[in-house]
Amino acid sequence: MELNLPPKVTPRAFERLAEINESADQAQALRIAVEGGGCSGFQYEIKLDMPSEDDLVLEQDGQKVVVDSVSLPFLTNAVIDFTEELIGARFVIENPNATSSCGCGTSFSM
């Protein structure tokens, strides 16, 4: 039986968030949310935000990644990473719950 675990954040993702926050006036958390829409039914929203009361907070070295309670079930056992490729550098989500995803990696279905 597979356990329902909260998402994991890679050290590389936390490092990139620290770099972003170094140049900002006020350090913010990286918010990972799941919304309806996109070409596959659901899409990720990744943005800088302040933590809310009902958020799951994943923290390392003072950097925070937050997930709201509505999005959390969609991100069970997911891995939040940062990648640098020819198409650009971005935060990516490896989600074992997604049955299919689009080419851009921001939309998925379950």
N, C-alpha and C. Protein backbone atom coordinates (compact mmCIF):
# COMPACT_ATOMS: atom_id res chain seq x y z
N MET A 1 0.84 -1.19 0.00
CA MET A 1 0.00 0.00 0.00
C MET A 1 0.89 1.25 0.00
N GLU A 2 0.64 2.15 -0.91
CA GLU A 2 1.44 3.37 -1.01
C GLU A 2 0.93 4.43 -0.05
N LEU A 3 1.85 5.02 0.68
CA LEU A 3 1.48 6.06 1.63
C LEU A 3 1.20 7.37 0.92
N ASN A 4 0.25 8.11 1.45
CA ASN A 4 -0.02 9.45 0.93
C ASN A 4 0.90 10.43 1.64
N LEU A 5 1.96 10.80 0.98
CA LEU A 5 2.96 11.69 1.57
C LEU A 5 2.85 13.07 0.96
N PRO A 6 3.19 14.10 1.74
CA PRO A 6 3.18 15.45 1.17
C PRO A 6 4.25 15.57 0.10
N PRO A 7 4.14 16.57 -0.75
CA PRO A 7 5.16 16.73 -1.79
C PRO A 7 6.53 16.98 -1.17
N LYS A 8 7.56 16.62 -1.94
CA LYS A 8 8.94 16.88 -1.52
C LYS A 8 9.48 18.02 -2.37
N VAL A 9 10.38 18.79 -1.80
CA VAL A 9 11.03 19.88 -2.53
C VAL A 9 12.51 19.54 -2.59
N THR A 10 13.09 19.57 -3.78
CA THR A 10 14.51 19.24 -3.92
C THR A 10 15.38 20.37 -3.38
N PRO A 11 16.60 20.04 -2.96
CA PRO A 11 17.54 21.09 -2.53
C PRO A 11 17.75 22.15 -3.62
N ARG A 12 17.77 21.72 -4.88
CA ARG A 12 17.97 22.66 -6.00
C ARG A 12 16.84 23.69 -6.07
N ALA A 13 15.60 23.25 -5.81
CA ALA A 13 14.47 24.17 -5.82
C ALA A 13 14.57 25.17 -4.67
N PHE A 14 14.96 24.69 -3.48
CA PHE A 14 15.13 25.60 -2.34
C PHE A 14 16.26 26.60 -2.61
N GLU A 15 17.35 26.13 -3.25
CA GLU A 15 18.48 27.03 -3.57
C GLU A 15 18.04 28.13 -4.52
N ARG A 16 17.27 27.78 -5.53
CA ARG A 16 16.80 28.79 -6.50
C ARG A 16 15.87 29.78 -5.82
N LEU A 17 15.00 29.29 -4.93
CA LEU A 17 14.11 30.19 -4.20
C LEU A 17 14.92 31.16 -3.34
N ALA A 18 16.00 30.67 -2.72
CA ALA A 18 16.87 31.53 -1.92
C ALA A 18 17.49 32.62 -2.79
N GLU A 19 17.91 32.26 -4.01
CA GLU A 19 18.48 33.25 -4.94
C GLU A 19 17.45 34.31 -5.30
N ILE A 20 16.22 33.88 -5.55
CA ILE A 20 15.15 34.82 -5.89
C ILE A 20 14.91 35.76 -4.72
N ASN A 21 14.84 35.22 -3.51
CA ASN A 21 14.55 36.03 -2.33
C ASN A 21 15.69 36.96 -1.95
N GLU A 22 16.93 36.61 -2.32
CA GLU A 22 18.07 37.49 -2.04
C GLU A 22 17.91 38.84 -2.72
N SER A 23 17.35 38.83 -3.91
CA SER A 23 17.21 40.07 -4.67
C SER A 23 15.88 40.78 -4.43
N ALA A 24 15.04 40.20 -3.58
CA ALA A 24 13.72 40.79 -3.30
C ALA A 24 13.79 41.64 -2.04
N ASP A 25 12.87 42.61 -1.94
CA ASP A 25 12.79 43.44 -0.75
C ASP A 25 12.34 42.63 0.46
N GLN A 26 11.41 41.72 0.22
CA GLN A 26 10.85 40.91 1.30
C GLN A 26 10.82 39.46 0.84
N ALA A 27 11.38 38.55 1.65
CA ALA A 27 11.38 37.14 1.29
C ALA A 27 9.95 36.61 1.26
N GLN A 28 9.66 35.83 0.23
CA GLN A 28 8.34 35.24 0.10
C GLN A 28 8.46 33.74 -0.06
N ALA A 29 7.35 33.07 0.11
CA ALA A 29 7.29 31.63 -0.09
C ALA A 29 6.96 31.35 -1.56
N LEU A 30 7.34 30.16 -2.01
CA LEU A 30 6.95 29.70 -3.34
C LEU A 30 5.65 28.93 -3.18
N ARG A 31 4.58 29.44 -3.79
CA ARG A 31 3.27 28.79 -3.68
C ARG A 31 3.07 27.86 -4.86
N ILE A 32 2.71 26.61 -4.55
CA ILE A 32 2.36 25.63 -5.57
C ILE A 32 0.87 25.34 -5.40
N ALA A 33 0.08 25.63 -6.41
CA ALA A 33 -1.36 25.41 -6.34
C ALA A 33 -1.82 24.63 -7.56
N VAL A 34 -2.93 23.95 -7.41
CA VAL A 34 -3.55 23.22 -8.51
C VAL A 34 -4.90 23.87 -8.76
N GLU A 35 -5.15 24.20 -10.02
CA GLU A 35 -6.42 24.83 -10.39
C GLU A 35 -7.04 24.06 -11.54
N GLY A 36 -8.36 24.18 -11.68
CA GLY A 36 -9.02 23.62 -12.85
C GLY A 36 -8.64 24.42 -14.08
N GLY A 37 -8.54 23.75 -15.21
CA GLY A 37 -8.23 24.46 -16.45
C GLY A 37 -7.03 23.84 -17.15
N GLY A 38 -6.46 24.57 -18.08
CA GLY A 38 -5.33 24.03 -18.84
C GLY A 38 -5.82 23.06 -19.89
N CYS A 39 -4.91 22.57 -20.70
CA CYS A 39 -5.31 21.70 -21.81
C CYS A 39 -5.58 20.27 -21.37
N SER A 40 -5.27 19.91 -20.11
CA SER A 40 -5.49 18.54 -19.65
C SER A 40 -6.44 18.42 -18.46
N GLY A 41 -7.09 19.50 -18.06
CA GLY A 41 -8.07 19.43 -16.98
C GLY A 41 -7.66 20.15 -15.71
N PHE A 42 -6.39 20.03 -15.33
CA PHE A 42 -5.85 20.75 -14.18
C PHE A 42 -4.58 21.46 -14.61
N GLN A 43 -4.25 22.53 -13.91
CA GLN A 43 -2.98 23.19 -14.20
C GLN A 43 -2.33 23.64 -12.91
N TYR A 44 -1.00 23.72 -12.94
CA TYR A 44 -0.26 24.20 -11.78
C TYR A 44 -0.16 25.71 -11.83
N GLU A 45 -0.26 26.32 -10.68
CA GLU A 45 0.06 27.74 -10.55
C GLU A 45 1.24 27.82 -9.60
N ILE A 46 2.31 28.41 -10.06
CA ILE A 46 3.53 28.55 -9.25
C ILE A 46 3.85 30.03 -9.18
N LYS A 47 3.85 30.56 -7.96
CA LYS A 47 4.09 32.00 -7.80
C LYS A 47 4.68 32.28 -6.43
N LEU A 48 5.20 33.48 -6.27
CA LEU A 48 5.68 33.93 -4.97
C LEU A 48 4.50 34.48 -4.20
N ASP A 49 4.42 34.15 -2.91
CA ASP A 49 3.27 34.53 -2.12
C ASP A 49 3.65 34.46 -0.64
N MET A 50 2.79 34.97 0.20
CA MET A 50 2.98 34.85 1.64
C MET A 50 2.18 33.64 2.13
N PRO A 51 2.70 32.89 3.10
CA PRO A 51 1.97 31.72 3.61
C PRO A 51 0.63 32.12 4.23
N SER A 52 -0.36 31.26 4.08
CA SER A 52 -1.67 31.45 4.70
C SER A 52 -1.83 30.43 5.83
N GLU A 53 -2.88 30.62 6.62
CA GLU A 53 -3.09 29.76 7.79
C GLU A 53 -3.27 28.30 7.44
N ASP A 54 -3.98 28.01 6.35
CA ASP A 54 -4.28 26.60 6.05
C ASP A 54 -3.24 25.95 5.13
N ASP A 55 -2.12 26.59 4.93
CA ASP A 55 -1.08 26.05 4.05
C ASP A 55 -0.24 24.98 4.72
N LEU A 56 0.17 24.00 3.94
CA LEU A 56 1.25 23.12 4.33
C LEU A 56 2.53 23.87 4.00
N VAL A 57 3.43 24.00 4.97
CA VAL A 57 4.68 24.73 4.75
C VAL A 57 5.84 23.73 4.74
N LEU A 58 6.55 23.68 3.63
CA LEU A 58 7.76 22.86 3.50
C LEU A 58 8.93 23.83 3.59
N GLU A 59 9.81 23.64 4.56
CA GLU A 59 10.84 24.64 4.82
C GLU A 59 12.22 24.02 4.89
N GLN A 60 13.19 24.75 4.35
CA GLN A 60 14.60 24.36 4.44
C GLN A 60 15.45 25.62 4.40
N ASP A 61 16.37 25.75 5.34
CA ASP A 61 17.28 26.90 5.40
C ASP A 61 16.54 28.24 5.34
N GLY A 62 15.37 28.31 5.97
CA GLY A 62 14.62 29.55 6.01
C GLY A 62 13.77 29.82 4.78
N GLN A 63 13.88 28.97 3.76
CA GLN A 63 13.08 29.14 2.55
C GLN A 63 11.83 28.28 2.68
N LYS A 64 10.69 28.81 2.21
CA LYS A 64 9.42 28.11 2.37
C LYS A 64 8.74 27.87 1.03
N VAL A 65 8.23 26.65 0.88
CA VAL A 65 7.35 26.30 -0.23
C VAL A 65 6.02 25.95 0.42
N VAL A 66 4.93 26.56 -0.07
CA VAL A 66 3.62 26.36 0.55
C VAL A 66 2.63 25.77 -0.44
N VAL A 67 1.74 24.93 0.11
CA VAL A 67 0.68 24.30 -0.68
C VAL A 67 -0.62 24.47 0.10
N ASP A 68 -1.66 24.98 -0.54
CA ASP A 68 -2.93 25.16 0.15
C ASP A 68 -3.64 23.82 0.33
N SER A 69 -4.57 23.78 1.27
CA SER A 69 -5.23 22.51 1.64
C SER A 69 -6.05 21.92 0.49
N VAL A 70 -6.56 22.74 -0.42
CA VAL A 70 -7.35 22.24 -1.55
C VAL A 70 -6.44 21.56 -2.57
N SER A 71 -5.24 22.12 -2.79
CA SER A 71 -4.31 21.58 -3.78
C SER A 71 -3.56 20.35 -3.27
N LEU A 72 -3.42 20.23 -1.96
CA LEU A 72 -2.58 19.19 -1.37
C LEU A 72 -2.90 17.77 -1.85
N PRO A 73 -4.18 17.35 -1.91
CA PRO A 73 -4.45 15.98 -2.36
C PRO A 73 -3.96 15.69 -3.78
N PHE A 74 -3.92 16.71 -4.64
CA PHE A 74 -3.46 16.54 -6.01
C PHE A 74 -1.94 16.40 -6.09
N LEU A 75 -1.24 16.77 -5.01
CA LEU A 75 0.21 16.79 -5.02
C LEU A 75 0.82 15.72 -4.11
N THR A 76 0.03 14.72 -3.73
CA THR A 76 0.53 13.63 -2.90
C THR A 76 1.72 12.96 -3.59
N ASN A 77 2.81 12.81 -2.87
CA ASN A 77 4.03 12.14 -3.36
C ASN A 77 4.69 12.85 -4.55
N ALA A 78 4.32 14.07 -4.83
CA ALA A 78 4.93 14.82 -5.94
C ALA A 78 6.31 15.34 -5.53
N VAL A 79 7.12 15.68 -6.52
CA VAL A 79 8.44 16.27 -6.28
C VAL A 79 8.50 17.62 -6.98
N ILE A 80 8.83 18.65 -6.21
CA ILE A 80 8.96 20.00 -6.76
C ILE A 80 10.45 20.25 -6.96
N ASP A 81 10.84 20.56 -8.19
CA ASP A 81 12.25 20.69 -8.54
C ASP A 81 12.45 21.97 -9.34
N PHE A 82 13.70 22.30 -9.58
CA PHE A 82 14.04 23.43 -10.44
C PHE A 82 14.95 22.89 -11.53
N THR A 83 14.66 23.23 -12.76
CA THR A 83 15.45 22.72 -13.87
C THR A 83 15.88 23.85 -14.79
N GLU A 84 17.06 23.68 -15.35
CA GLU A 84 17.57 24.64 -16.34
C GLU A 84 17.79 23.87 -17.64
N GLU A 85 17.01 24.23 -18.65
CA GLU A 85 17.09 23.56 -19.94
C GLU A 85 17.23 24.61 -21.04
N LEU A 86 17.37 24.15 -22.26
CA LEU A 86 17.48 25.08 -23.39
C LEU A 86 16.25 25.98 -23.50
N ILE A 87 15.08 25.44 -23.15
CA ILE A 87 13.85 26.23 -23.26
C ILE A 87 13.71 27.22 -22.11
N GLY A 88 14.59 27.13 -21.12
CA GLY A 88 14.53 28.08 -20.02
C GLY A 88 14.62 27.39 -18.67
N ALA A 89 14.82 28.19 -17.67
CA ALA A 89 14.89 27.69 -16.30
C ALA A 89 13.52 27.86 -15.66
N ARG A 90 13.08 26.85 -14.91
CA ARG A 90 11.75 26.93 -14.32
C ARG A 90 11.61 25.91 -13.20
N PHE A 91 10.63 26.15 -12.34
CA PHE A 91 10.26 25.17 -11.34
C PHE A 91 9.39 24.13 -12.04
N VAL A 92 9.60 22.86 -11.74
CA VAL A 92 8.83 21.79 -12.35
C VAL A 92 8.26 20.89 -11.26
N ILE A 93 7.18 20.21 -11.58
CA ILE A 93 6.53 19.32 -10.63
C ILE A 93 6.44 17.94 -11.26
N GLU A 94 7.07 16.97 -10.61
CA GLU A 94 6.95 15.58 -11.03
C GLU A 94 5.85 14.98 -10.19
N ASN A 95 4.70 14.71 -10.83
CA ASN A 95 3.52 14.30 -10.10
C ASN A 95 3.11 12.88 -10.47
N PRO A 96 3.29 11.90 -9.55
CA PRO A 96 2.92 10.52 -9.87
C PRO A 96 1.40 10.32 -9.97
N ASN A 97 0.60 11.29 -9.54
CA ASN A 97 -0.86 11.18 -9.61
C ASN A 97 -1.40 11.54 -10.99
N ALA A 98 -0.61 12.24 -11.78
CA ALA A 98 -1.08 12.69 -13.09
C ALA A 98 -1.09 11.51 -14.06
N THR A 99 -2.22 11.29 -14.69
CA THR A 99 -2.32 10.20 -15.66
C THR A 99 -1.84 10.63 -17.03
N SER A 100 -1.91 11.92 -17.29
CA SER A 100 -1.35 12.46 -18.53
C SER A 100 -1.02 13.92 -18.29
N SER A 101 -0.14 14.45 -19.12
CA SER A 101 0.20 15.86 -18.99
C SER A 101 0.44 16.42 -20.39
N CYS A 102 0.45 17.73 -20.46
CA CYS A 102 0.68 18.36 -21.75
C CYS A 102 2.18 18.57 -21.94
N GLY A 103 2.56 18.98 -23.12
CA GLY A 103 3.97 19.16 -23.42
C GLY A 103 4.66 20.22 -22.61
N CYS A 104 3.92 21.24 -22.19
CA CYS A 104 4.54 22.33 -21.45
C CYS A 104 4.78 21.99 -19.98
N GLY A 105 4.15 20.90 -19.51
CA GLY A 105 4.37 20.46 -18.14
C GLY A 105 3.61 21.23 -17.08
N THR A 106 2.75 22.16 -17.49
CA THR A 106 2.00 22.93 -16.50
C THR A 106 0.57 22.44 -16.36
N SER A 107 0.14 21.53 -17.23
CA SER A 107 -1.24 21.05 -17.22
C SER A 107 -1.22 19.53 -17.13
N PHE A 108 -2.21 18.96 -16.42
CA PHE A 108 -2.24 17.51 -16.26
C PHE A 108 -3.66 17.03 -16.02
N SER A 109 -3.88 15.71 -16.09
CA SER A 109 -5.16 15.13 -15.74
C SER A 109 -4.94 13.98 -14.78
N MET A 110 -6.02 13.62 -14.08
CA MET A 110 -5.93 12.54 -13.08
C MET A 110 -7.03 11.52 -13.32
